[in-house]
N, C-alpha and C. Protein backbone atom coordinates (compact mmCIF):
# COMPACT_ATOMS: atom_id res chain seq x y z
N UNK A 1 -0.40 -39.50 -13.65
CA UNK A 1 -0.74 -39.25 -15.03
C UNK A 1 -2.22 -39.56 -15.21
N UNK A 2 -2.93 -38.68 -15.81
CA UNK A 2 -4.33 -38.95 -16.09
C UNK A 2 -4.43 -39.28 -17.57
N UNK A 3 -4.85 -38.37 -18.40
CA UNK A 3 -4.90 -38.63 -19.83
C UNK A 3 -6.12 -39.45 -20.20
N UNK A 4 -6.28 -39.68 -21.49
CA UNK A 4 -7.40 -40.42 -22.03
C UNK A 4 -7.25 -41.90 -21.71
N UNK A 5 -8.18 -42.47 -20.91
CA UNK A 5 -8.05 -43.87 -20.54
C UNK A 5 -7.97 -44.83 -21.73
N UNK A 6 -8.67 -44.54 -22.80
CA UNK A 6 -8.65 -45.44 -23.96
C UNK A 6 -7.27 -45.46 -24.64
N UNK A 7 -6.52 -44.41 -24.50
CA UNK A 7 -5.20 -44.35 -25.14
C UNK A 7 -4.13 -45.04 -24.31
N UNK A 8 -4.48 -45.53 -23.15
CA UNK A 8 -3.52 -46.22 -22.30
C UNK A 8 -3.32 -47.67 -22.73
N UNK A 9 -4.19 -48.21 -23.55
CA UNK A 9 -4.09 -49.60 -23.99
C UNK A 9 -3.40 -49.66 -25.35
N UNK A 10 -2.33 -50.43 -25.43
CA UNK A 10 -1.62 -50.56 -26.70
C UNK A 10 -2.45 -51.38 -27.68
N UNK A 11 -2.12 -51.24 -28.96
CA UNK A 11 -2.82 -52.01 -29.99
C UNK A 11 -2.66 -53.51 -29.78
N UNK A 12 -1.46 -53.92 -29.35
CA UNK A 12 -1.20 -55.34 -29.13
C UNK A 12 -2.14 -55.91 -28.07
N UNK A 13 -2.33 -55.18 -26.99
CA UNK A 13 -3.23 -55.65 -25.95
C UNK A 13 -4.69 -55.52 -26.39
N UNK A 14 -5.00 -54.45 -27.08
CA UNK A 14 -6.37 -54.24 -27.57
C UNK A 14 -6.84 -55.44 -28.39
N UNK A 15 -5.97 -55.99 -29.22
CA UNK A 15 -6.34 -57.15 -30.06
C UNK A 15 -6.68 -58.38 -29.21
N UNK A 16 -6.14 -58.46 -28.01
CA UNK A 16 -6.40 -59.62 -27.15
C UNK A 16 -7.70 -59.48 -26.36
N UNK A 17 -8.25 -58.29 -26.30
CA UNK A 17 -9.44 -58.05 -25.48
C UNK A 17 -10.71 -58.69 -26.04
N UNK A 18 -10.61 -59.35 -27.19
CA UNK A 18 -11.75 -60.08 -27.74
C UNK A 18 -11.88 -61.46 -27.10
N UNK A 19 -10.95 -61.80 -26.24
CA UNK A 19 -10.99 -63.10 -25.55
C UNK A 19 -12.26 -63.19 -24.70
N UNK A 20 -12.71 -64.41 -24.40
CA UNK A 20 -13.86 -64.55 -23.49
C UNK A 20 -13.59 -63.79 -22.19
N UNK A 21 -14.63 -63.20 -21.60
CA UNK A 21 -14.47 -62.30 -20.44
C UNK A 21 -13.68 -62.86 -19.27
N UNK A 22 -13.80 -64.17 -19.02
CA UNK A 22 -13.13 -64.73 -17.84
C UNK A 22 -11.73 -65.25 -18.11
N UNK A 23 -11.26 -65.15 -19.34
CA UNK A 23 -9.92 -65.62 -19.68
C UNK A 23 -8.89 -64.64 -19.14
N UNK A 24 -7.94 -65.12 -18.33
CA UNK A 24 -6.91 -64.20 -17.82
C UNK A 24 -5.90 -63.86 -18.91
N UNK A 25 -5.65 -62.56 -19.04
CA UNK A 25 -4.67 -62.09 -20.01
C UNK A 25 -3.42 -61.63 -19.28
N UNK A 26 -2.27 -61.86 -19.88
CA UNK A 26 -1.02 -61.31 -19.36
C UNK A 26 -0.98 -59.83 -19.73
N UNK A 27 -0.81 -59.00 -18.73
CA UNK A 27 -0.81 -57.55 -18.93
C UNK A 27 0.43 -56.95 -18.27
N UNK A 28 1.11 -56.09 -19.02
CA UNK A 28 2.21 -55.31 -18.45
C UNK A 28 1.63 -53.95 -18.13
N UNK A 29 1.69 -53.59 -16.86
CA UNK A 29 1.17 -52.31 -16.38
C UNK A 29 2.36 -51.38 -16.19
N UNK A 30 2.40 -50.33 -16.99
CA UNK A 30 3.45 -49.32 -16.86
C UNK A 30 2.93 -48.21 -15.97
N UNK A 31 3.63 -47.94 -14.88
CA UNK A 31 3.21 -46.88 -13.98
C UNK A 31 3.69 -45.52 -14.48
N UNK A 32 3.03 -44.49 -14.01
CA UNK A 32 3.39 -43.12 -14.38
C UNK A 32 4.85 -42.85 -14.00
N UNK A 33 5.48 -41.88 -14.66
CA UNK A 33 6.89 -41.56 -14.35
C UNK A 33 7.09 -41.27 -12.87
N UNK A 34 8.28 -41.57 -12.43
CA UNK A 34 8.62 -41.41 -11.01
C UNK A 34 8.69 -39.94 -10.63
N UNK A 35 7.87 -39.52 -9.66
CA UNK A 35 7.88 -38.12 -9.26
C UNK A 35 9.12 -37.71 -8.47
N UNK A 36 9.90 -38.67 -7.98
CA UNK A 36 11.09 -38.30 -7.21
C UNK A 36 12.24 -37.86 -8.10
N UNK A 37 12.17 -38.16 -9.39
CA UNK A 37 13.18 -37.70 -10.33
C UNK A 37 14.42 -38.57 -10.40
N UNK A 38 15.24 -38.27 -11.38
CA UNK A 38 16.42 -39.09 -11.65
C UNK A 38 17.54 -38.88 -10.65
N UNK A 39 17.47 -37.83 -9.85
CA UNK A 39 18.53 -37.60 -8.86
C UNK A 39 18.28 -38.35 -7.55
N UNK A 40 17.18 -39.08 -7.48
CA UNK A 40 16.85 -39.83 -6.27
C UNK A 40 17.76 -41.05 -6.11
N UNK A 41 17.89 -41.49 -4.89
CA UNK A 41 18.66 -42.70 -4.62
C UNK A 41 17.83 -43.91 -5.05
N UNK A 42 18.48 -45.04 -5.18
CA UNK A 42 17.78 -46.28 -5.53
C UNK A 42 16.70 -46.59 -4.50
N UNK A 43 17.02 -46.39 -3.24
CA UNK A 43 16.05 -46.66 -2.17
C UNK A 43 14.83 -45.75 -2.30
N UNK A 44 15.04 -44.47 -2.62
CA UNK A 44 13.92 -43.55 -2.81
C UNK A 44 13.07 -43.93 -4.02
N UNK A 45 13.73 -44.35 -5.09
CA UNK A 45 13.00 -44.76 -6.30
C UNK A 45 12.18 -46.01 -6.03
N UNK A 46 12.76 -46.96 -5.30
CA UNK A 46 12.04 -48.19 -4.98
C UNK A 46 10.84 -47.88 -4.08
N UNK A 47 11.03 -47.02 -3.10
CA UNK A 47 9.93 -46.64 -2.21
C UNK A 47 8.82 -45.93 -2.98
N UNK A 48 9.18 -45.07 -3.92
CA UNK A 48 8.21 -44.36 -4.74
C UNK A 48 7.42 -45.35 -5.60
N UNK A 49 8.13 -46.33 -6.16
CA UNK A 49 7.46 -47.36 -6.96
C UNK A 49 6.46 -48.14 -6.12
N UNK A 50 6.89 -48.57 -4.94
CA UNK A 50 6.00 -49.35 -4.08
C UNK A 50 4.75 -48.57 -3.69
N UNK A 51 4.93 -47.28 -3.44
CA UNK A 51 3.79 -46.42 -3.08
C UNK A 51 2.82 -46.30 -4.27
N UNK A 52 3.35 -46.12 -5.47
CA UNK A 52 2.50 -46.01 -6.66
C UNK A 52 1.86 -47.34 -7.03
N UNK A 53 2.58 -48.43 -6.80
CA UNK A 53 2.09 -49.76 -7.19
C UNK A 53 0.99 -50.28 -6.26
N UNK A 54 0.99 -49.86 -5.01
CA UNK A 54 0.04 -50.41 -4.03
C UNK A 54 -1.42 -50.30 -4.46
N UNK A 55 -1.91 -49.11 -4.87
CA UNK A 55 -3.32 -49.05 -5.27
C UNK A 55 -3.59 -49.83 -6.56
N UNK A 56 -2.59 -49.96 -7.41
CA UNK A 56 -2.76 -50.72 -8.64
C UNK A 56 -2.86 -52.21 -8.31
N UNK A 57 -1.99 -52.68 -7.41
CA UNK A 57 -2.06 -54.08 -6.96
C UNK A 57 -3.44 -54.39 -6.39
N UNK A 58 -3.95 -53.47 -5.56
CA UNK A 58 -5.27 -53.67 -4.95
C UNK A 58 -6.38 -53.70 -5.99
N UNK A 59 -6.31 -52.80 -6.97
CA UNK A 59 -7.32 -52.76 -8.03
C UNK A 59 -7.30 -54.04 -8.86
N UNK A 60 -6.11 -54.53 -9.16
CA UNK A 60 -5.98 -55.77 -9.92
C UNK A 60 -6.62 -56.92 -9.15
N UNK A 61 -6.36 -57.00 -7.86
CA UNK A 61 -6.94 -58.06 -7.03
C UNK A 61 -8.47 -57.94 -6.98
N UNK A 62 -8.98 -56.72 -6.84
CA UNK A 62 -10.44 -56.52 -6.82
C UNK A 62 -11.10 -56.94 -8.12
N UNK A 63 -10.36 -56.85 -9.22
CA UNK A 63 -10.89 -57.21 -10.54
C UNK A 63 -10.67 -58.68 -10.87
N UNK A 64 -10.26 -59.46 -9.87
CA UNK A 64 -10.09 -60.89 -10.09
C UNK A 64 -8.75 -61.28 -10.67
N UNK A 65 -7.81 -60.36 -10.67
CA UNK A 65 -6.49 -60.64 -11.23
C UNK A 65 -5.46 -60.80 -10.14
N UNK A 66 -4.22 -60.97 -10.58
CA UNK A 66 -3.10 -61.08 -9.64
C UNK A 66 -1.84 -60.53 -10.28
N UNK A 67 -1.02 -59.89 -9.46
CA UNK A 67 0.29 -59.43 -9.91
C UNK A 67 1.24 -60.60 -9.76
N UNK A 68 1.92 -60.95 -10.85
CA UNK A 68 2.84 -62.09 -10.80
C UNK A 68 4.31 -61.67 -10.74
N UNK A 69 4.57 -60.39 -11.04
CA UNK A 69 5.95 -59.91 -10.97
C UNK A 69 5.93 -58.38 -11.00
N UNK A 70 6.99 -57.79 -10.52
CA UNK A 70 7.12 -56.34 -10.59
C UNK A 70 8.59 -55.98 -10.74
N UNK A 71 8.84 -54.86 -11.40
CA UNK A 71 10.21 -54.37 -11.59
C UNK A 71 10.22 -52.88 -11.28
N UNK A 72 10.81 -52.54 -10.16
CA UNK A 72 10.80 -51.13 -9.75
C UNK A 72 11.67 -50.26 -10.64
N UNK A 73 12.72 -50.85 -11.23
CA UNK A 73 13.63 -50.06 -12.07
C UNK A 73 12.93 -49.43 -13.27
N UNK A 74 12.01 -50.15 -13.89
CA UNK A 74 11.29 -49.57 -15.03
C UNK A 74 9.81 -49.33 -14.72
N UNK A 75 9.45 -49.43 -13.44
CA UNK A 75 8.11 -49.10 -12.94
C UNK A 75 7.01 -49.88 -13.67
N UNK A 76 7.19 -51.21 -13.71
CA UNK A 76 6.19 -52.06 -14.35
C UNK A 76 5.73 -53.18 -13.43
N UNK A 77 4.51 -53.62 -13.69
CA UNK A 77 3.94 -54.79 -13.04
C UNK A 77 3.55 -55.77 -14.14
N UNK A 78 3.74 -57.04 -13.90
CA UNK A 78 3.23 -58.08 -14.80
C UNK A 78 2.06 -58.71 -14.05
N UNK A 79 0.89 -58.64 -14.67
CA UNK A 79 -0.30 -59.16 -14.00
C UNK A 79 -1.08 -60.08 -14.93
N UNK A 80 -1.89 -60.91 -14.32
CA UNK A 80 -2.88 -61.71 -15.06
C UNK A 80 -4.23 -61.12 -14.65
N UNK A 81 -4.99 -60.65 -15.65
CA UNK A 81 -6.24 -59.96 -15.41
C UNK A 81 -7.31 -60.53 -16.33
N UNK A 82 -8.51 -60.86 -15.81
CA UNK A 82 -9.57 -61.32 -16.70
C UNK A 82 -9.82 -60.31 -17.82
N UNK A 83 -9.99 -60.81 -19.04
CA UNK A 83 -10.15 -59.94 -20.21
C UNK A 83 -11.22 -58.87 -20.00
N UNK A 84 -12.31 -59.23 -19.35
CA UNK A 84 -13.41 -58.29 -19.16
C UNK A 84 -13.04 -57.12 -18.24
N UNK A 85 -11.97 -57.25 -17.47
CA UNK A 85 -11.63 -56.24 -16.47
C UNK A 85 -10.39 -55.40 -16.81
N UNK A 86 -9.76 -55.69 -17.92
CA UNK A 86 -8.53 -54.97 -18.26
C UNK A 86 -8.80 -53.48 -18.42
N UNK A 87 -9.84 -53.12 -19.15
CA UNK A 87 -10.14 -51.69 -19.39
C UNK A 87 -10.35 -50.91 -18.09
N UNK A 88 -10.83 -51.57 -17.06
CA UNK A 88 -11.07 -50.88 -15.79
C UNK A 88 -9.80 -50.28 -15.21
N UNK A 89 -8.66 -50.86 -15.52
CA UNK A 89 -7.39 -50.38 -14.98
C UNK A 89 -6.96 -49.05 -15.59
N UNK A 90 -7.52 -48.69 -16.75
CA UNK A 90 -7.12 -47.44 -17.40
C UNK A 90 -7.56 -46.22 -16.62
N UNK A 91 -8.53 -46.37 -15.74
CA UNK A 91 -9.00 -45.24 -14.96
C UNK A 91 -8.12 -44.88 -13.77
N UNK A 92 -7.13 -45.69 -13.50
CA UNK A 92 -6.23 -45.41 -12.36
C UNK A 92 -5.18 -44.38 -12.77
N UNK A 93 -5.05 -43.33 -11.98
CA UNK A 93 -4.10 -42.28 -12.32
C UNK A 93 -2.66 -42.77 -12.30
N UNK A 94 -2.37 -43.81 -11.53
CA UNK A 94 -1.00 -44.33 -11.45
C UNK A 94 -0.60 -45.09 -12.72
N UNK A 95 -1.57 -45.50 -13.52
CA UNK A 95 -1.31 -46.30 -14.71
C UNK A 95 -1.06 -45.39 -15.91
N UNK A 96 0.12 -45.55 -16.52
CA UNK A 96 0.47 -44.78 -17.72
C UNK A 96 0.09 -45.55 -18.98
N UNK A 97 0.26 -46.88 -18.95
CA UNK A 97 -0.03 -47.69 -20.14
C UNK A 97 -0.25 -49.14 -19.74
N UNK A 98 -1.01 -49.83 -20.58
CA UNK A 98 -1.24 -51.27 -20.45
C UNK A 98 -0.81 -51.91 -21.76
N UNK A 99 -0.01 -52.95 -21.67
CA UNK A 99 0.55 -53.57 -22.86
C UNK A 99 0.58 -55.08 -22.68
N UNK A 100 0.85 -55.78 -23.77
CA UNK A 100 1.08 -57.22 -23.74
C UNK A 100 2.57 -57.45 -23.51
N UNK A 101 2.92 -58.54 -22.82
CA UNK A 101 4.35 -58.84 -22.67
C UNK A 101 4.97 -59.12 -24.03
N UNK A 102 6.19 -58.76 -24.15
CA UNK A 102 6.93 -59.00 -25.42
C UNK A 102 8.25 -59.63 -25.08
N UNK A 103 8.65 -60.62 -25.85
CA UNK A 103 9.95 -61.24 -25.58
C UNK A 103 11.09 -60.27 -25.91
N UNK A 104 12.12 -60.37 -25.12
CA UNK A 104 13.32 -59.56 -25.39
C UNK A 104 14.18 -60.36 -26.34
N UNK A 105 14.50 -59.74 -27.45
CA UNK A 105 15.30 -60.43 -28.46
C UNK A 105 16.64 -59.74 -28.61
N UNK A 106 17.71 -60.54 -28.77
CA UNK A 106 19.03 -59.92 -28.97
C UNK A 106 19.08 -59.22 -30.32
N UNK A 107 19.89 -58.18 -30.36
CA UNK A 107 20.03 -57.43 -31.62
C UNK A 107 20.88 -58.16 -32.61
């Protein structure tokens, strides 16, 4: 997915980008939709996720951040990234969106 890099950052995360440049922010990185499709096996979907996540993991590390968790089922990474470097991740074609973590609340 390419698209407008500025539109990849949610409003919730955008509000946090005023933090001092070296402050690590919690960022949820949503990867582009799975190209293998819904008829793929779990193993194929996991392999596709790992392939898409690899360059994103590397970019996060180069920007002084770290991936602290990943979930292949919904194609997300949880990372800590210095505030000054979050926008740089929008240029990666594998990245569909960047968001702040949100607690899951029961209905």
